[in-house]
Structures are given as structure tokens and as C-alpha cells.
Amino acid sequence: MLWTSRGLSRSYSEPPDSKQPSSMQMITCVLFTLVTLHVSTAAEADSCPAVCECTEWKMHTISCRDIDILPRFPAGTETLWLFETRLTSVPADAFAYLVNISWIYISVDVTLQRLERHSFHSLKKITHIQIRNAQILTYIDPEAFKHLPNLKYLEIADHPYITEIPANSFRGITSDVLTV
């Protein structure tokens, strides 16, 4: 509406060559932004963590040294090596999003004290878990290793401060698989 000096109003429309975006152009722009944001977030999640080394095509094997927290690993990770870390615990569902993980090695950790409930839970493709020389590991939750249908080898060795392993800590895991 446009007000004239006499107080009357009249309507007007934009000239046909106006540069105002249509509602369809606005929707397209918003959708493009959302898709781009999702793609960039997914690309970041599938990149090698800066503190680690990734080998093989598409980063299927990851080695991390001297970390104090677990970074986000690419979803396609199959083998994970954690050496000389400074982790204090392996938290619940630490690897749950790694649907292709088959091997996890944790070795020479001077600060690892605890394997929490569901630290290694429902990892459908995991075949090997090896935890060696975690110098002050003192506690393994009875449900740290649950629902691991393809587990063939579990080794927990060289932990001088583990004085007690709670009953049923390895329930569902046969002695053929377990080395303590």
C-alpha cells in the first residue's frame, strides 16, 4: 500500500524485473543448505581423527597413540589400535557406532583404570579384543563384554593391579575365547 498526500491509498505491484526471490527459490535454497550441512557433517565423521593414523583405503585401520579421550572414528573402521594412551576408562558404548569393527587392541596404557558397563557392547562383527599392559587397570564391569556374537578371542593380560574379577564378568564367553 502506498499513501498519497491526500490520505488515499492504492496498491502497487513490483515491476516484473524485480530481484525478489520467489517462495520456490527460498525453499530450494533452504533445502540446499540443509543437504550441504548434512554432507559436510558426514564427511567430518568419516575422516581420520587428527590425533591418529589411518591406513588402507577408506581408513579401515586406525592407530592412535598418546590420546586421553577416544576421538570419533570413521564409521567404516574395521581395526582399531590404541597404543600408549592416557585413557582413564573405556566408557559405555564407546564403539557402538562402529558397525564394521572386528579388531580392537588397547596396549600400554599407564592411566586406564576401568572398563565400564557396556564398554564393548553389541559389536556384531567384533572377533578380537585384546587389552594388554594397562598398568593400573583395577576394575572390569560384569557387563563390559556383552552381546558379542562373533567374538573369537578376548585377551586381558599383564594387569598387575586387577585383584578381583566380579562373578559373571565374562558370562556368555567360553574359555576357548578368553585369556586372562
Protein backbone atom coordinates (compact mmCIF):
# COMPACT_ATOMS: atom_id res chain seq x y z
CA MET A 1 0.00 0.00 0.00
CA LEU A 2 1.16 3.46 -0.79
CA TRP A 3 -0.13 6.57 0.98
CA THR A 4 -0.63 9.69 -1.07
CA SER A 5 -0.68 13.25 0.18
CA ARG A 6 -4.49 13.15 0.20
CA GLY A 7 -4.55 10.14 2.59
CA LEU A 8 -5.78 7.72 -0.02
CA SER A 9 -4.06 4.50 -0.56
CA ARG A 10 -3.54 2.50 -3.62
CA SER A 11 -1.91 -0.81 -4.15
CA TYR A 12 1.00 -1.41 -6.38
CA SER A 13 2.97 -4.41 -7.52
CA GLU A 14 6.66 -4.86 -8.11
CA PRO A 15 7.82 -4.42 -11.66
CA PRO A 16 8.33 -7.70 -13.49
CA ASP A 17 12.14 -7.34 -13.45
CA SER A 18 12.28 -7.26 -9.62
CA LYS A 19 15.07 -9.31 -7.95
CA GLN A 20 12.96 -10.60 -5.01
CA PRO A 21 13.21 -14.41 -4.68
CA SER A 22 10.09 -16.46 -5.12
CA SER A 23 8.92 -18.81 -2.39
CA MET A 24 10.09 -21.76 -4.52
CA GLN A 25 13.57 -20.25 -4.75
CA MET A 26 13.62 -19.77 -0.97
CA ILE A 27 12.60 -23.39 -0.36
CA THR A 28 15.26 -24.61 -2.79
CA CYS A 29 17.90 -22.51 -1.03
CA VAL A 30 16.93 -23.84 2.41
CA LEU A 31 16.95 -27.46 1.20
CA PHE A 32 20.35 -27.00 -0.46
CA THR A 33 21.75 -25.57 2.78
CA LEU A 34 20.41 -28.48 4.84
CA VAL A 35 21.77 -31.10 2.43
CA THR A 36 25.17 -29.40 2.29
CA LEU A 37 25.31 -29.22 6.09
CA HIS A 38 24.48 -32.94 6.37
CA VAL A 39 27.11 -33.90 3.77
CA SER A 40 29.84 -31.84 5.45
CA THR A 41 28.98 -33.30 8.87
CA ALA A 42 29.07 -36.83 7.45
CA ALA A 43 32.40 -36.12 5.74
CA GLU A 44 33.89 -34.92 9.04
CA ALA A 45 32.63 -38.06 10.82
CA ASP A 46 34.27 -40.25 8.16
CA SER A 47 37.64 -38.51 8.24
CA CYS A 48 40.67 -39.76 10.12
CA PRO A 49 40.92 -38.22 13.61
CA ALA A 50 43.77 -35.70 13.68
CA VAL A 51 45.49 -37.48 16.57
CA CYS A 52 45.53 -40.85 14.79
CA GLU A 53 46.97 -42.51 11.71
CA CYS A 54 44.70 -44.19 9.19
CA THR A 55 45.82 -46.80 6.70
CA GLU A 56 44.24 -48.74 3.89
CA TRP A 57 41.72 -47.30 1.54
CA LYS A 58 38.79 -45.57 3.27
CA MET A 59 40.55 -45.68 6.65
CA HIS A 60 39.61 -49.20 7.67
CA THR A 61 42.57 -49.45 10.09
CA ILE A 62 43.22 -46.73 12.65
CA SER A 63 46.14 -46.40 15.08
CA CYS A 64 46.11 -43.84 17.87
CA ARG A 65 48.90 -43.07 20.31
CA ASP A 66 49.08 -40.76 23.30
CA ILE A 67 45.38 -39.89 23.49
CA ASP A 68 43.48 -39.15 26.68
CA ILE A 69 39.96 -39.34 25.22
CA LEU A 70 38.55 -41.51 22.47
CA PRO A 71 38.06 -39.41 19.32
CA ARG A 72 35.21 -40.04 16.89
CA PHE A 73 36.39 -42.73 14.49
CA PRO A 74 35.10 -43.16 10.92
CA ALA A 75 32.02 -45.39 10.86
CA GLY A 76 33.74 -47.81 8.45
CA THR A 77 36.60 -48.57 10.85
CA GLU A 78 37.37 -52.30 11.00
CA THR A 79 40.58 -52.43 13.07
CA LEU A 80 41.50 -50.10 15.92
CA TRP A 81 44.90 -49.95 17.63
CA LEU A 82 45.21 -47.79 20.76
CA PHE A 83 48.85 -47.62 21.98
CA GLU A 84 50.45 -45.79 24.88
CA THR A 85 47.25 -43.95 25.64
CA ARG A 86 46.25 -41.96 28.70
CA LEU A 87 42.63 -43.10 28.92
CA THR A 88 41.19 -43.43 32.42
CA SER A 89 38.28 -45.60 31.31
CA VAL A 90 36.57 -47.10 28.30
CA PRO A 91 33.07 -45.62 28.59
CA ALA A 92 29.74 -47.28 27.85
CA ASP A 93 29.05 -47.77 24.15
CA ALA A 94 32.45 -46.31 23.23
CA PHE A 95 32.48 -48.24 19.95
CA ALA A 96 28.75 -48.84 19.39
CA TYR A 97 28.59 -46.73 16.22
CA LEU A 98 31.43 -48.72 14.61
CA VAL A 99 29.24 -51.29 12.87
CA ASN A 100 32.17 -52.87 10.96
CA ILE A 101 34.68 -53.07 13.81
CA SER A 102 36.23 -56.54 14.06
CA TRP A 103 39.51 -55.99 15.98
CA ILE A 104 40.25 -53.70 18.95
CA TYR A 105 43.71 -53.57 20.56
CA ILE A 106 44.45 -51.49 23.65
CA SER A 107 48.06 -51.73 24.80
CA VAL A 108 50.47 -49.99 27.17
CA ASP A 109 48.10 -47.59 28.86
CA VAL A 110 49.50 -46.05 32.04
CA THR A 111 46.21 -44.50 33.23
CA LEU A 112 43.44 -46.93 32.23
CA GLN A 113 41.64 -47.90 35.42
CA ARG A 114 38.16 -49.08 34.38
CA LEU A 115 36.22 -50.91 31.70
CA GLU A 116 32.73 -49.53 32.26
CA ARG A 117 29.38 -51.25 31.77
CA HIS A 118 28.84 -51.87 28.05
CA SER A 119 32.36 -50.69 27.08
CA PHE A 120 32.28 -53.38 24.41
CA HIS A 121 28.58 -53.97 23.90
CA SER A 122 26.63 -55.32 20.93
CA LEU A 123 29.53 -55.18 18.50
CA LYS A 124 28.08 -57.60 15.97
CA LYS A 125 31.25 -58.08 13.87
CA ILE A 126 33.90 -57.98 16.59
CA THR A 127 36.11 -61.08 16.53
CA HIS A 128 39.15 -59.95 18.57
CA ILE A 129 39.57 -57.75 21.64
CA GLN A 130 42.99 -57.52 23.21
CA ILE A 131 43.76 -55.39 26.28
CA ARG A 132 47.39 -55.72 27.34
CA ASN A 133 49.58 -53.97 29.86
CA ALA A 134 47.10 -51.41 31.15
CA GLN A 135 49.31 -50.78 34.13
CA ILE A 136 46.68 -49.66 36.66
CA LEU A 137 43.55 -51.38 35.36
CA THR A 138 41.67 -52.37 38.50
CA TYR A 139 38.02 -52.77 37.51
CA ILE A 140 36.11 -54.59 34.79
CA ASP A 141 32.35 -54.16 34.98
CA PRO A 142 30.49 -57.50 34.78
CA GLU A 143 28.67 -56.18 31.71
CA ALA A 144 31.66 -54.67 29.90
CA PHE A 145 31.62 -57.51 27.35
CA LYS A 146 28.04 -58.31 26.37
CA HIS A 147 26.30 -59.40 23.17
CA LEU A 148 29.40 -60.11 21.11
CA PRO A 149 28.10 -62.94 18.90
CA ASN A 150 31.22 -63.32 16.72
CA LEU A 151 33.91 -62.89 19.39
CA LYS A 152 36.64 -65.49 18.85
CA TYR A 153 39.43 -64.06 21.01
CA LEU A 154 39.40 -61.96 24.18
CA GLU A 155 42.72 -61.37 25.90
CA ILE A 156 43.11 -59.35 29.08
CA ALA A 157 46.74 -59.73 30.13
CA ASP A 158 49.56 -58.09 32.08
CA HIS A 159 47.42 -56.16 34.53
CA PRO A 160 49.14 -56.50 37.92
CA TYR A 161 46.55 -54.46 39.83
CA ILE A 162 43.44 -56.42 38.97
CA THR A 163 42.78 -58.15 42.25
CA GLU A 164 39.20 -59.18 41.69
CA ILE A 165 37.05 -60.01 38.70
CA PRO A 166 33.35 -59.90 39.59
CA ALA A 167 31.32 -63.09 39.17
CA ASN A 168 29.80 -63.45 35.69
CA SER A 169 32.10 -60.80 34.21
CA PHE A 170 32.60 -62.96 31.16
CA ARG A 171 29.22 -64.64 31.07
CA GLY A 172 28.46 -65.93 27.59
CA ILE A 173 32.14 -66.06 26.64
CA THR A 174 33.66 -69.54 26.56
CA SER A 175 37.11 -70.39 27.89
CA ASP A 176 38.13 -71.14 24.29
CA VAL A 177 37.81 -67.42 23.60
CA LEU A 178 39.06 -65.92 26.87
CA THR A 179 42.66 -65.42 28.05
CA VAL A 180 43.12 -63.68 31.41
